[in-house]
Structures are given as C-alpha cells and as structure tokens.
C-alpha atoms as a PDB file:
ATOM      1  CA  MET A   1      15.100  -5.922   5.994  1.00  0.00           C
ATOM      2  CA  ILE A   2      11.739  -4.181   5.920  1.00  0.00           C
ATOM      3  CA  SER A   3       8.853  -6.636   6.042  1.00  0.00           C
ATOM      4  CA  GLY A   4       5.127  -7.082   6.659  1.00  0.00           C
ATOM      5  CA  VAL A   5       2.275  -5.007   5.264  1.00  0.00           C
ATOM      6  CA  MET A   6       2.888  -1.681   3.585  1.00  0.00           C
ATOM      7  CA  THR A   7      -0.194   0.170   2.392  1.00  0.00           C
ATOM      8  CA  ALA A   8      -0.205   1.709  -1.079  1.00  0.00           C
ATOM      9  CA  LEU A   9      -2.010   4.772   0.190  1.00  0.00           C
ATOM     10  CA  VAL A  10      -4.978   6.363  -1.578  1.00  0.00           C
ATOM     11  CA  THR A  11      -4.809  10.112  -2.264  1.00  0.00           C
ATOM     12  CA  PRO A  12      -8.059  11.851  -1.249  1.00  0.00           C
ATOM     13  CA  PHE A  13      -9.420  14.774  -3.244  1.00  0.00           C
ATOM     14  CA  LYS A  14     -12.071  17.351  -2.421  1.00  0.00           C
ATOM     15  CA  ALA A  15     -15.200  17.757  -4.526  1.00  0.00           C
ATOM     16  CA  ASN A  16     -13.442  20.545  -6.461  1.00  0.00           C
ATOM     17  CA  GLY A  17     -10.548  18.215  -7.293  1.00  0.00           C
ATOM     18  CA  GLU A  18      -8.006  19.707  -4.898  1.00  0.00           C
ATOM     19  CA  LEU A  19      -5.956  17.606  -2.493  1.00  0.00           C
ATOM     20  CA  ASP A  20      -7.892  16.801   0.687  1.00  0.00           C
ATOM     21  CA  LEU A  21      -5.085  16.902   3.231  1.00  0.00           C
ATOM     22  CA  GLU A  22      -7.410  16.616   6.240  1.00  0.00           C
ATOM     23  CA  ALA A  23      -8.831  13.369   4.858  1.00  0.00           C
ATOM     24  CA  LEU A  24      -5.278  12.220   4.178  1.00  0.00           C
ATOM     25  CA  ASP A  25      -4.436  12.757   7.856  1.00  0.00           C
ATOM     26  CA  LYS A  26      -7.408  10.569   8.815  1.00  0.00           C
ATOM     27  CA  LEU A  27      -6.303   7.820   6.444  1.00  0.00           C
ATOM     28  CA  VAL A  28      -2.795   7.882   7.928  1.00  0.00           C
ATOM     29  CA  ASP A  29      -4.200   7.717  11.467  1.00  0.00           C
ATOM     30  CA  PHE A  30      -6.476   4.813  10.479  1.00  0.00           C
ATOM     31  CA  GLN A  31      -3.522   2.889   9.070  1.00  0.00           C
ATOM     32  CA  ILE A  32      -1.308   3.455  12.102  1.00  0.00           C
ATOM     33  CA  GLU A  33      -4.097   2.543  14.530  1.00  0.00           C
ATOM     34  CA  HIS A  34      -4.587  -0.747  12.694  1.00  0.00           C
ATOM     35  CA  GLY A  35      -0.953  -1.750  12.781  1.00  0.00           C
ATOM     36  CA  VAL A  36       0.485  -1.485   9.276  1.00  0.00           C
ATOM     37  CA  ASP A  37       4.247  -1.704   9.017  1.00  0.00           C
ATOM     38  CA  ALA A  38       4.803   1.150   6.542  1.00  0.00           C
ATOM     39  CA  LEU A  39       2.993   3.551   4.233  1.00  0.00           C
ATOM     40  CA  VAL A  40       3.637   4.059   0.523  1.00  0.00           C
ATOM     41  CA  PRO A  41       2.111   7.336  -0.709  1.00  0.00           C
ATOM     42  CA  MET A  42       2.105   8.433  -4.341  1.00  0.00           C
ATOM     43  CA  GLY A  43       2.172   5.099  -6.092  1.00  0.00           C
ATOM     44  CA  THR A  44      -0.387   3.865  -8.610  1.00  0.00           C
ATOM     45  CA  THR A  45      -3.077   3.635  -5.926  1.00  0.00           C
ATOM     46  CA  GLY A  46      -2.299   7.227  -4.963  1.00  0.00           C
ATOM     47  CA  GLU A  47      -3.141   8.412  -8.495  1.00  0.00           C
ATOM     48  CA  SER A  48       0.391   9.657  -9.030  1.00  0.00           C
ATOM     49  CA  PRO A  49      -0.070  10.112 -12.814  1.00  0.00           C
ATOM     50  CA  THR A  50      -2.641  12.882 -12.323  1.00  0.00           C
ATOM     51  CA  VAL A  51      -1.041  14.916  -9.551  1.00  0.00           C
ATOM     52  CA  SER A  52       1.553  17.566 -10.274  1.00  0.00           C
ATOM     53  CA  HIS A  53       5.106  17.041  -9.059  1.00  0.00           C
ATOM     54  CA  ASP A  54       4.555  19.713  -6.423  1.00  0.00           C
ATOM     55  CA  GLU A  55       1.381  17.962  -5.231  1.00  0.00           C
ATOM     56  CA  ASN A  56       3.244  14.666  -5.183  1.00  0.00           C
ATOM     57  CA  MET A  57       5.799  16.051  -2.766  1.00  0.00           C
ATOM     58  CA  GLU A  58       3.111  17.865  -0.756  1.00  0.00           C
ATOM     59  CA  VAL A  59       1.380  14.540  -0.114  1.00  0.00           C
ATOM     60  CA  VAL A  60       4.666  12.854   0.786  1.00  0.00           C
ATOM     61  CA  GLU A  61       5.524  15.650   3.209  1.00  0.00           C
ATOM     62  CA  ARG A  62       2.064  15.552   4.807  1.00  0.00           C
ATOM     63  CA  VAL A  63       2.238  11.791   5.330  1.00  0.00           C
ATOM     64  CA  ILE A  64       5.733  11.969   6.826  1.00  0.00           C
ATOM     65  CA  ARG A  65       4.669  14.708   9.233  1.00  0.00           C
ATOM     66  CA  ARG A  66       1.498  12.871  10.256  1.00  0.00           C
ATOM     67  CA  VAL A  67       3.330   9.580  10.761  1.00  0.00           C
ATOM     68  CA  ASP A  68       5.820  11.423  12.979  1.00  0.00           C
ATOM     69  CA  GLY A  69       8.345   8.600  12.979  1.00  0.00           C
ATOM     70  CA  LYS A  70       5.927   5.863  14.077  1.00  0.00           C
ATOM     71  CA  ILE A  71       6.387   3.783  10.921  1.00  0.00           C
ATOM     72  CA  PRO A  72       8.494   4.130   7.765  1.00  0.00           C
ATOM     73  CA  VAL A  73       7.242   6.124   4.784  1.00  0.00           C
ATOM     74  CA  ILE A  74       8.311   4.950   1.339  1.00  0.00           C
ATOM     75  CA  ALA A  75       7.753   7.853  -1.020  1.00  0.00           C
ATOM     76  CA  GLY A  76       6.618   7.315  -4.586  1.00  0.00           C
ATOM     77  CA  THR A  77       9.072   9.437  -6.563  1.00  0.00           C
ATOM     78  CA  GLY A  78       9.403   7.361  -9.715  1.00  0.00           C
ATOM     79  CA  SER A  79       9.228   8.744 -13.231  1.00  0.00           C
ATOM     80  CA  ASN A  80       9.931   7.772 -16.811  1.00  0.00           C
ATOM     81  CA  SER A  81      12.477  10.588 -16.730  1.00  0.00           C
ATOM     82  CA  THR A  82      15.555   9.638 -14.742  1.00  0.00           C
ATOM     83  CA  ASP A  83      16.374  13.293 -14.032  1.00  0.00           C
ATOM     84  CA  GLU A  84      12.866  13.929 -12.712  1.00  0.00           C
ATOM     85  CA  ALA A  85      13.000  10.847 -10.498  1.00  0.00           C
ATOM     86  CA  ILE A  86      16.302  12.063  -9.054  1.00  0.00           C
ATOM     87  CA  ARG A  87      14.879  15.528  -8.384  1.00  0.00           C
ATOM     88  CA  MET A  88      11.837  14.223  -6.521  1.00  0.00           C
ATOM     89  CA  THR A  89      13.860  11.596  -4.650  1.00  0.00           C
ATOM     90  CA  LYS A  90      16.235  14.280  -3.378  1.00  0.00           C
ATOM     91  CA  ILE A  91      13.243  16.215  -2.063  1.00  0.00           C
ATOM     92  CA  ALA A  92      11.812  13.083  -0.400  1.00  0.00           C
ATOM     93  CA  ARG A  93      15.142  12.452   1.302  1.00  0.00           C
ATOM     94  CA  GLY A  94      15.142  16.007   2.629  1.00  0.00           C
ATOM     95  CA  LEU A  95      11.606  15.531   3.949  1.00  0.00           C
ATOM     96  CA  GLY A  96      12.646  12.471   5.941  1.00  0.00           C
ATOM     97  CA  ALA A  97      11.351   9.585   3.818  1.00  0.00           C
ATOM     98  CA  PHE A  98      12.636   6.157   4.832  1.00  0.00           C
ATOM     99  CA  ALA A  99      12.969   5.083   1.196  1.00  0.00           C
ATOM    100  CA  SER A 100      11.697   5.806  -2.293  1.00  0.00           C
ATOM    101  CA  LEU A 101       9.523   3.702  -4.594  1.00  0.00           C
ATOM    102  CA  GLN A 102      10.886   3.691  -8.141  1.00  0.00           C
ATOM    103  CA  VAL A 103       8.600   2.328 -10.839  1.00  0.00           C
ATOM    104  CA  ALA A 104       9.961   0.887 -14.053  1.00  0.00           C
ATOM    105  CA  PRO A 105       9.884   3.747 -16.585  1.00  0.00           C
ATOM    106  CA  TYR A 106       6.590   3.676 -18.437  1.00  0.00           C
ATOM    107  CA  TYR A 107       5.746   4.419 -22.072  1.00  0.00           C
ATOM    108  CA  ASN A 108       9.317   4.908 -23.274  1.00  0.00           C
ATOM    109  CA  LYS A 109      10.008   1.148 -22.777  1.00  0.00           C
ATOM    110  CA  PRO A 110      13.745   1.132 -22.082  1.00  0.00           C
ATOM    111  CA  THR A 111      15.921  -1.896 -22.753  1.00  0.00           C
ATOM    112  CA  GLN A 112      17.157  -4.034 -19.864  1.00  0.00           C
ATOM    113  CA  GLU A 113      20.407  -2.079 -19.942  1.00  0.00           C
ATOM    114  CA  GLY A 114      18.408   1.154 -19.866  1.00  0.00           C
ATOM    115  CA  LEU A 115      16.465  -0.092 -16.837  1.00  0.00           C
ATOM    116  CA  TYR A 116      19.702  -0.967 -15.053  1.00  0.00           C
ATOM    117  CA  ARG A 117      21.192   2.445 -15.760  1.00  0.00           C
ATOM    118  CA  HIS A 118      17.968   4.231 -14.740  1.00  0.00           C
ATOM    119  CA  PHE A 119      17.771   2.640 -11.305  1.00  0.00           C
ATOM    120  CA  THR A 120      21.485   2.730 -10.524  1.00  0.00           C
ATOM    121  CA  THR A 121      21.790   6.357 -11.637  1.00  0.00           C
ATOM    122  CA  ILE A 122      19.053   7.304  -9.150  1.00  0.00           C
ATOM    123  CA  ALA A 123      20.673   5.182  -6.448  1.00  0.00           C
ATOM    124  CA  ASP A 124      24.050   6.815  -7.092  1.00  0.00           C
ATOM    125  CA  ALA A 125      22.590  10.336  -7.117  1.00  0.00           C
ATOM    126  CA  VAL A 126      20.530  10.100  -3.911  1.00  0.00           C
ATOM    127  CA  ASP A 127      21.706   8.306  -0.778  1.00  0.00           C
ATOM    128  CA  LEU A 128      18.295   6.928   0.101  1.00  0.00           C
ATOM    129  CA  PRO A 129      17.107   3.306   0.158  1.00  0.00           C
ATOM    130  CA  MET A 130      15.169   2.316  -2.958  1.00  0.00           C
ATOM    131  CA  VAL A 131      12.270  -0.076  -3.525  1.00  0.00           C
ATOM    132  CA  ILE A 132      12.055  -1.059  -7.191  1.00  0.00           C
ATOM    133  CA  TYR A 133       8.557  -1.475  -8.634  1.00  0.00           C
ATOM    134  CA  ASN A 134       8.084  -4.034 -11.390  1.00  0.00           C
ATOM    135  CA  ILE A 135       4.633  -3.787 -12.986  1.00  0.00           C
ATOM    136  CA  LYS A 136       4.905  -4.639 -16.657  1.00  0.00           C
ATOM    137  CA  GLY A 137       1.126  -4.434 -17.180  1.00  0.00           C
ATOM    138  CA  ARG A 138       1.267  -0.660 -16.621  1.00  0.00           C
ATOM    139  CA  SER A 139       4.835   0.249 -17.538  1.00  0.00           C
ATOM    140  CA  GLY A 140       4.982  -1.818 -20.717  1.00  0.00           C
ATOM    141  CA  VAL A 141       8.343  -3.352 -19.804  1.00  0.00           C
ATOM    142  CA  ASN A 142       9.306  -6.217 -17.481  1.00  0.00           C
ATOM    143  CA  ILE A 143      12.366  -5.976 -15.250  1.00  0.00           C
ATOM    144  CA  GLU A 144      13.942  -9.336 -15.988  1.00  0.00           C
ATOM    145  CA  THR A 145      15.426 -11.171 -13.015  1.00  0.00           C
ATOM    146  CA  PRO A 146      19.091 -10.861 -14.135  1.00  0.00           C
ATOM    147  CA  THR A 147      18.589  -7.105 -14.521  1.00  0.00           C
ATOM    148  CA  LEU A 148      16.951  -6.844 -11.122  1.00  0.00           C
ATOM    149  CA  MET A 149      19.818  -8.763  -9.530  1.00  0.00           C
ATOM    150  CA  ARG A 150      22.311  -6.344 -11.084  1.00  0.00           C
ATOM    151  CA  VAL A 151      20.380  -3.462  -9.515  1.00  0.00           C
ATOM    152  CA  ALA A 152      20.012  -5.333  -6.216  1.00  0.00           C
ATOM    153  CA  ALA A 153      23.798  -5.352  -5.873  1.00  0.00           C
ATOM    154  CA  HIS A 154      23.660  -1.586  -5.279  1.00  0.00           C
ATOM    155  CA  PRO A 155      23.730  -0.814  -1.529  1.00  0.00           C
ATOM    156  CA  ASN A 156      20.771   1.563  -1.825  1.00  0.00           C
ATOM    157  CA  ALA A 157      18.532  -1.046  -3.512  1.00  0.00           C
ATOM    158  CA  ILE A 158      16.742  -2.750  -0.623  1.00  0.00           C
ATOM    159  CA  ALA A 159      13.596  -4.349  -2.063  1.00  0.00           C
ATOM    160  CA  VAL A 160      11.329  -4.972  -5.018  1.00  0.00           C
ATOM    161  CA  LYS A 161       7.577  -4.624  -5.301  1.00  0.00           C
ATOM    162  CA  GLU A 162       6.849  -7.559  -7.592  1.00  0.00           C
ATOM    163  CA  ALA A 163       3.634  -6.986  -9.535  1.00  0.00           C
ATOM    164  CA  SER A 164       4.565  -8.800 -12.726  1.00  0.00           C
ATOM    165  CA  GLY A 165       1.794 -11.336 -12.105  1.00  0.00           C
ATOM    166  CA  ASP A 166       4.263 -14.099 -12.984  1.00  0.00           C
ATOM    167  CA  LEU A 167       4.658 -16.492 -10.046  1.00  0.00           C
ATOM    168  CA  GLY A 168       7.548 -18.221 -11.771  1.00  0.00           C
ATOM    169  CA  GLN A 169       9.417 -14.949 -12.047  1.00  0.00           C
ATOM    170  CA  MET A 170       8.693 -14.176  -8.399  1.00  0.00           C
ATOM    171  CA  MET A 171      10.192 -17.529  -7.380  1.00  0.00           C
ATOM    172  CA  ASP A 172      13.284 -16.816  -9.463  1.00  0.00           C
ATOM    173  CA  VAL A 173      13.682 -13.427  -7.777  1.00  0.00           C
ATOM    174  CA  ILE A 174      13.375 -14.914  -4.280  1.00  0.00           C
ATOM    175  CA  ASN A 175      15.824 -17.672  -5.171  1.00  0.00           C
ATOM    176  CA  SER A 176      18.375 -15.304  -6.733  1.00  0.00           C
ATOM    177  CA  ARG A 177      18.227 -12.256  -4.453  1.00  0.00           C
ATOM    178  CA  PRO A 178      20.918 -11.143  -2.027  1.00  0.00           C
ATOM    179  CA  LYS A 179      20.083 -12.061   1.572  1.00  0.00           C
ATOM    180  CA  ASP A 180      19.403  -8.451   2.531  1.00  0.00           C
ATOM    181  CA  PHE A 181      17.077  -7.741  -0.435  1.00  0.00           C
ATOM    182  CA  ALA A 182      13.339  -7.932   0.343  1.00  0.00           C
ATOM    183  CA  VAL A 183      10.699  -9.172  -2.093  1.00  0.00           C
ATOM    184  CA  PHE A 184       7.147  -7.852  -1.692  1.00  0.00           C
ATOM    185  CA  SER A 185       4.047  -8.889  -3.558  1.00  0.00           C
ATOM    186  CA  GLY A 186       2.424  -6.028  -5.422  1.00  0.00           C
ATOM    187  CA  ASP A 187      -0.821  -8.010  -5.730  1.00  0.00           C
ATOM    188  CA  ASP A 188      -2.964  -8.826  -2.707  1.00  0.00           C
ATOM    189  CA  ASN A 189      -4.190 -12.073  -4.212  1.00  0.00           C
ATOM    190  CA  MET A 190      -0.587 -13.318  -4.559  1.00  0.00           C
ATOM    191  CA  ALA A 191       0.631 -12.068  -1.189  1.00  0.00           C
ATOM    192  CA  VAL A 192       0.252 -15.352   0.700  1.00  0.00           C
ATOM    193  CA  PRO A 193       1.902 -17.561  -1.953  1.00  0.00           C
ATOM    194  CA  LEU A 194       4.799 -15.124  -2.322  1.00  0.00           C
ATOM    195  CA  THR A 195       5.305 -14.792   1.441  1.00  0.00           C
ATOM    196  CA  LEU A 196       5.156 -18.549   2.015  1.00  0.00           C
ATOM    197  CA  MET A 197       7.877 -18.953  -0.621  1.00  0.00           C
ATOM    198  CA  GLY A 198      10.150 -16.639   1.352  1.00  0.00           C
ATOM    199  CA  GLY A 199       8.906 -13.206   0.387  1.00  0.00           C
ATOM    200  CA  SER A 200       8.788 -10.365   2.896  1.00  0.00           C
ATOM    201  CA  GLY A 201       5.091  -9.410   2.684  1.00  0.00           C
ATOM    202  CA  VAL A 202       2.928  -7.181   0.537  1.00  0.00           C
ATOM    203  CA  ILE A 203       2.557  -3.617  -0.640  1.00  0.00           C
ATOM    204  CA  SER A 204      -1.201  -3.732  -0.462  1.00  0.00           C
ATOM    205  CA  VAL A 205      -4.209  -2.026  -2.013  1.00  0.00           C
ATOM    206  CA  ALA A 206      -6.746  -3.861   0.151  1.00  0.00           C
ATOM    207  CA  SER A 207      -5.042  -2.754   3.371  1.00  0.00           C
ATOM    208  CA  ASN A 208      -6.446   0.718   2.723  1.00  0.00           C
ATOM    209  CA  ILE A 209      -9.724  -0.883   3.814  1.00  0.00           C
ATOM    210  CA  ILE A 210      -8.752  -3.783   6.101  1.00  0.00           C
ATOM    211  CA  PRO A 211      -5.213  -3.127   7.318  1.00  0.00           C
ATOM    212  CA  ARG A 212      -5.397  -5.272  10.451  1.00  0.00           C
ATOM    213  CA  TYR A 213      -6.745  -8.333   8.633  1.00  0.00           C
ATOM    214  CA  ILE A 214      -4.067  -8.109   5.949  1.00  0.00           C
ATOM    215  CA  GLY A 215      -1.484  -7.797   8.711  1.00  0.00           C
ATOM    216  CA  GLU A 216      -2.755 -10.932  10.459  1.00  0.00           C
ATOM    217  CA  MET A 217      -2.746 -12.869   7.203  1.00  0.00           C
ATOM    218  CA  ILE A 218       0.819 -11.901   6.323  1.00  0.00           C
ATOM    219  CA  GLU A 219       2.045 -12.515   9.862  1.00  0.00           C
ATOM    220  CA  ALA A 220       0.600 -16.037   9.707  1.00  0.00           C
ATOM    221  CA  ALA A 221       2.329 -16.652   6.376  1.00  0.00           C
ATOM    222  CA  ARG A 222       5.663 -15.303   7.609  1.00  0.00           C
ATOM    223  CA  LYS A 223       5.479 -17.534  10.697  1.00  0.00           C
ATOM    224  CA  GLY A 224       4.715 -20.586   8.568  1.00  0.00           C
ATOM    225  CA  ASN A 225       1.157 -20.967   9.842  1.00  0.00           C
ATOM    226  CA  VAL A 226      -0.017 -22.224   6.481  1.00  0.00           C
ATOM    227  CA  GLU A 227      -3.537 -23.205   7.505  1.00  0.00           C
ATOM    228  CA  LYS A 228      -4.357 -19.809   9.006  1.00  0.00           C
ATOM    229  CA  ALA A 229      -2.763 -17.910   6.125  1.00  0.00           C
ATOM    230  CA  ARG A 230      -4.622 -20.012   3.548  1.00  0.00           C
ATOM    231  CA  THR A 231      -7.939 -19.698   5.373  1.00  0.00           C
ATOM    232  CA  MET A 232      -7.636 -15.915   5.625  1.00  0.00           C
ATOM    233  CA  HIS A 233      -6.562 -15.700   1.994  1.00  0.00           C
ATOM    234  CA  PHE A 234      -9.712 -17.407   0.770  1.00  0.00           C
ATOM    235  CA  GLU A 235     -11.910 -15.437   3.177  1.00  0.00           C
ATOM    236  CA  LEU A 236     -10.508 -12.207   1.766  1.00  0.00           C
ATOM    237  CA  LEU A 237     -10.275 -13.317  -1.857  1.00  0.00           C
ATOM    238  CA  PRO A 238     -13.649 -11.754  -2.833  1.00  0.00           C
ATOM    239  CA  LEU A 239     -12.355  -8.420  -1.547  1.00  0.00           C
ATOM    240  CA  PHE A 240      -9.040  -8.833  -3.372  1.00  0.00           C
ATOM    241  CA  LYS A 241     -10.907  -9.494  -6.604  1.00  0.00           C
ATOM    242  CA  GLY A 242     -13.260  -6.591  -5.884  1.00  0.00           C
ATOM    243  CA  MET A 243     -10.319  -4.198  -5.846  1.00  0.00           C
ATOM    244  CA  PHE A 244      -9.870  -4.895  -9.558  1.00  0.00           C
ATOM    245  CA  LEU A 245     -13.445  -4.991 -10.811  1.00  0.00           C
ATOM    246  CA  GLU A 246     -12.343  -1.839 -12.599  1.00  0.00           C
ATOM    247  CA  THR A 247      -8.980  -0.103 -12.907  1.00  0.00           C
ATOM    248  CA  ASN A 248      -7.180   0.458  -9.604  1.00  0.00           C
ATOM    249  CA  PRO A 249      -7.745   2.768  -7.701  1.00  0.00           C
ATOM    250  CA  LEU A 250     -11.397   3.160  -8.728  1.00  0.00           C
ATOM    251  CA  PRO A 251     -12.762   0.334  -6.533  1.00  0.00           C
ATOM    252  CA  VAL A 252     -10.635   0.941  -3.451  1.00  0.00           C
ATOM    253  CA  LYS A 253     -11.464   4.646  -3.351  1.00  0.00           C
ATOM    254  CA  ALA A 254     -15.158   3.855  -3.921  1.00  0.00           C
ATOM    255  CA  CYS A 255     -14.983   1.493  -0.937  1.00  0.00           C
ATOM    256  CA  LEU A 256     -13.314   4.112   1.247  1.00  0.00           C
ATOM    257  CA  ALA A 257     -16.017   6.583   0.202  1.00  0.00           C
ATOM    258  CA  GLN A 258     -18.755   4.117   1.149  1.00  0.00           C
ATOM    259  CA  MET A 259     -16.991   3.705   4.513  1.00  0.00           C
ATOM    260  CA  GLY A 260     -17.089   7.505   4.955  1.00  0.00           C
ATOM    261  CA  LEU A 261     -13.312   7.992   4.899  1.00  0.00           C
ATOM    262  CA  VAL A 262     -12.878   9.953   1.643  1.00  0.00           C
ATOM    263  CA  GLU A 263     -14.916  11.782  -0.970  1.00  0.00           C
ATOM    264  CA  PRO A 264     -15.686   9.732  -4.106  1.00  0.00           C
ATOM    265  CA  VAL A 265     -13.505  11.932  -6.308  1.00  0.00           C
ATOM    266  CA  TRP A 266     -10.961  10.892  -8.943  1.00  0.00           C
ATOM    267  CA  ARG A 267      -9.033  12.956 -11.447  1.00  0.00           C
ATOM    268  CA  LEU A 268      -9.592  12.404 -15.144  1.00  0.00           C
ATOM    269  CA  PRO A 269      -8.962  10.256 -17.025  1.00  0.00           C
ATOM    270  CA  LEU A 270     -10.017   8.176 -14.013  1.00  0.00           C
ATOM    271  CA  CYS A 271     -13.729   8.443 -13.309  1.00  0.00           C
ATOM    272  CA  PRO A 272     -16.249   6.947 -10.876  1.00  0.00           C
ATOM    273  CA  PRO A 273     -16.918   3.222 -11.242  1.00  0.00           C
ATOM    274  CA  SER A 274     -20.150   2.052 -12.808  1.00  0.00           C
ATOM    275  CA  GLU A 275     -23.329   1.692 -10.772  1.00  0.00           C
ATOM    276  CA  GLU A 276     -23.016  -2.074 -11.177  1.00  0.00           C
ATOM    277  CA  THR A 277     -19.517  -2.049  -9.717  1.00  0.00           C
ATOM    278  CA  GLU A 278     -20.592   0.260  -6.881  1.00  0.00           C
ATOM    279  CA  ALA A 279     -23.388  -2.173  -6.001  1.00  0.00           C
ATOM    280  CA  LYS A 280     -21.018  -5.158  -6.029  1.00  0.00           C
ATOM    281  CA  LEU A 281     -18.550  -3.295  -3.827  1.00  0.00           C
ATOM    282  CA  ARG A 282     -21.327  -2.360  -1.404  1.00  0.00           C
ATOM    283  CA  GLU A 283     -22.390  -6.001  -1.058  1.00  0.00           C
ATOM    284  CA  MET A 284     -18.780  -7.052  -0.643  1.00  0.00           C
ATOM    285  CA  LEU A 285     -18.220  -4.491   2.125  1.00  0.00           C
ATOM    286  CA  LYS A 286     -21.387  -5.615   3.864  1.00  0.00           C
ATOM    287  CA  GLY A 287     -20.230  -9.206   3.620  1.00  0.00           C
ATOM    288  CA  GLN A 288     -16.950  -8.273   5.281  1.00  0.00           C
ATOM    289  CA  GLY A 289     -18.775  -6.273   7.991  1.00  0.00           C
ATOM    290  CA  LEU A 290     -17.152  -3.019   6.897  1.00  0.00           C
ATOM    291  CA  ILE A 291     -20.384  -1.051   6.395  1.00  0.00           C
END
C-alpha cells in the first residue's frame, strides 16, 4: 500500500493569472528535497475548480515530468460528471500518473448508489489505481462507510482520503477496510490520531510549507512512537489551524508567498486573505522559523 505524507500541491499563478509553471517546478523540487512520499496536484488545494480541464492536465503533466519517477504522482482528475472524470483520468494514465484522486461528486449530491456507480464506472473505464476523496463539507454528500467498502472491493480502488471530519467514521473505515486498502487523513490536525489508529498517513496541506516536519511526525505515528508523534502534533497545531483561518488554499498560498516560493495570486472567486489573516500567518511562520 502507499503510505506516509502526500502533499496536496498548490498551483502557482503569475500576476496576470496564468499558470506559473516555473514556480511549480520549484515547488516540486522543494517537496522532493524534503522527503515527501508522493505529490497530489489538482486537488482542492491546487484550486482545481478555477482551472480549465486543459490547464488541469497541463499541471499534472508538468509535475509528472519534473518528478521524473522519483515519487508517485496522484493526479486530481475528479469531477461531478462521471464522463468528464473518465476523460481526464484516461489522459492522466497516458501521462504516467501513479493513480488518480476522485472526489465525491459535488453540487449534484448523488445517492449512495449513485456514488458507488460513479466511482466503479471510472475504475472500470480506466485501468489506473484510484484514491477516493470523501469531503462532505465541500461536496455536500458523505460517502457512507458501507458504500466506500463496496467501492474498495474494486481492484483499482486503493485508498481513501478521509476528510469527513468525523473521527468515528474514520475508525469505522479503518476497521472495515480490506487489508490492501489505505486510509489517509485529509486533515492535518487529524493526521496523528488517524495514523495511530491504523491509518496510512496524510494527504497534507501543511506539507506544502513544512514537508520534512510532517514526514517526521507521521513516521513517528506509524512506528508507534506515541510521545514523539503527540509532541510534534501539538507543536505544529498552530500551523495546522492557521491553514484554515480562511478558506483553503488562501492561507497556505499566502504562506508560500511570504516564504518567496510563489506569487500571492488566486483566481476568483478566491481572493487574497485579509490583512489580519496575513499578519497572523506572518507571526505563525516566524514562530516556526520559516521566515
């Protein structure tokens, strides 16, 4: 199974709003140098809702080429249209992605049967491993554990990014899953509890900023070093909370901009965080020794 820390990669833009592929290369290099286990471009943190489908695949291709086989790339190719998800997933497979990230369809709020058919239709159509993404706060629908287990029986379904925020549900998933099905936290502040309960790690926002520290924390949790994992968790908790002072990815991209790694540019309807948030993030980064 895949395991460890996988970074939900930020998508940099130029001042004119275009993709900044040179900055993207630098972000990929930074992640690899600091030991992350995989990269996940074009998820929520990558501002996937405001890039075109062509730009989505351009970013995926650029990341795969820059990684050059050093670590897996899990391409965000999800959609609330099953046909569109299949189309983009086929392209990602052709580009050499290790797997795809498939979010629960948003806005149209399918039934549990609809969710099952959505994911298994993609898995049947494209022979590529799939990571299912459960985030009911954004998609408007929860993938219930029995539904997820039905999907997990498909040979191409290899993992779930669990961002339901429900620790009880996460425990049920870990307890019910097939042995070869990985469970990742989709929330940094729940990564240690989930991993200590038998999860496989985290798909992380904060690792855009501190990849090595997140890696050490998760490694400690996976090895059962509870004291170290707990200590690091509470040391990093202010940063985890800072990532959600405003809607993700506003804070994390603002932090990367303050660190000089990207331009502070978002696409509408996302906009720069408030001056108050910027100031809090600056103090937080100083406290962590990042600026």
